[in-house]
Amino acid sequence: MVDTVRCTGCGRCVAACGSRLLSLEVDGFRKYAQIGISKRCKRCLACAAACPVRALRAD
């Protein structure tokens, strides 16, 4: 799950996701990470480890 308030849109989680399920979405002048098909997520937490602001967690 992505905490969109905390997410800075740096894209490190997108690059770390081996399944390529994360993408960056744009909302006005702000970017944030968004998970595509959450059922396909393997919960490896590589994205959470790459996030410098701890905006991702396994739920």
Protein backbone atom coordinates (compact mmCIF):
# COMPACT_ATOMS: atom_id res chain seq x y z
CA MET A 1 0.00 0.00 0.00
CA VAL A 2 1.28 3.47 -0.88
CA ASP A 3 0.84 6.38 1.50
CA THR A 4 0.26 9.07 -1.14
CA VAL A 5 0.59 11.89 1.40
CA ARG A 6 4.07 10.75 2.40
CA CYS A 7 5.21 9.74 -1.12
CA THR A 8 7.47 12.29 -2.84
CA GLY A 9 7.31 10.72 -6.30
CA CYS A 10 11.05 10.03 -6.49
CA GLY A 11 10.48 6.78 -8.45
CA ARG A 12 12.91 4.61 -6.49
CA CYS A 13 10.14 2.12 -5.64
CA VAL A 14 9.16 1.90 -9.32
CA ALA A 15 12.73 1.03 -10.26
CA ALA A 16 13.01 -1.53 -7.42
CA CYS A 17 9.82 -3.45 -8.29
CA GLY A 18 10.89 -6.60 -10.12
CA SER A 19 7.30 -7.35 -11.12
CA ARG A 20 6.91 -3.85 -12.64
CA LEU A 21 3.61 -3.25 -10.82
CA LEU A 22 4.35 0.28 -9.61
CA SER A 23 4.11 3.44 -11.66
CA LEU A 24 4.21 7.16 -11.00
CA GLU A 25 0.92 9.01 -11.26
CA VAL A 26 0.55 12.76 -11.67
CA ASP A 27 -1.97 14.84 -9.74
CA GLY A 28 -1.61 18.49 -10.67
CA PHE A 29 1.99 19.41 -9.93
CA ARG A 30 2.56 16.40 -7.68
CA LYS A 31 3.73 12.84 -8.43
CA TYR A 32 3.14 9.76 -6.31
CA ALA A 33 3.58 6.01 -6.66
CA GLN A 34 0.60 3.84 -7.54
CA ILE A 35 0.38 0.05 -7.58
CA GLY A 36 -1.25 -1.40 -10.68
CA ILE A 37 -2.62 -4.88 -10.03
CA SER A 38 -2.19 -5.49 -6.31
CA LYS A 39 -3.17 -9.17 -6.64
CA ARG A 40 0.04 -9.81 -8.61
CA CYS A 41 2.24 -8.24 -5.91
CA LYS A 42 4.50 -10.88 -4.32
CA ARG A 43 5.02 -8.80 -1.14
CA CYS A 44 8.81 -8.98 -1.54
CA LEU A 45 9.04 -5.44 -0.07
CA ALA A 46 11.87 -4.38 -2.41
CA CYS A 47 9.85 -1.23 -3.07
CA ALA A 48 9.54 -0.47 0.64
CA ALA A 49 13.26 -0.99 1.16
CA ALA A 50 14.03 1.46 -1.68
CA CYS A 51 11.68 4.17 -0.39
CA PRO A 52 13.60 6.94 1.43
CA VAL A 53 10.46 8.31 3.14
CA ARG A 54 8.83 4.98 4.10
CA ALA A 55 5.70 5.60 2.07
CA LEU A 56 5.14 1.92 1.23
CA ARG A 57 4.05 -0.98 3.37
CA ALA A 58 2.65 -4.48 2.85
CA ASP A 59 -1.10 -4.60 3.52
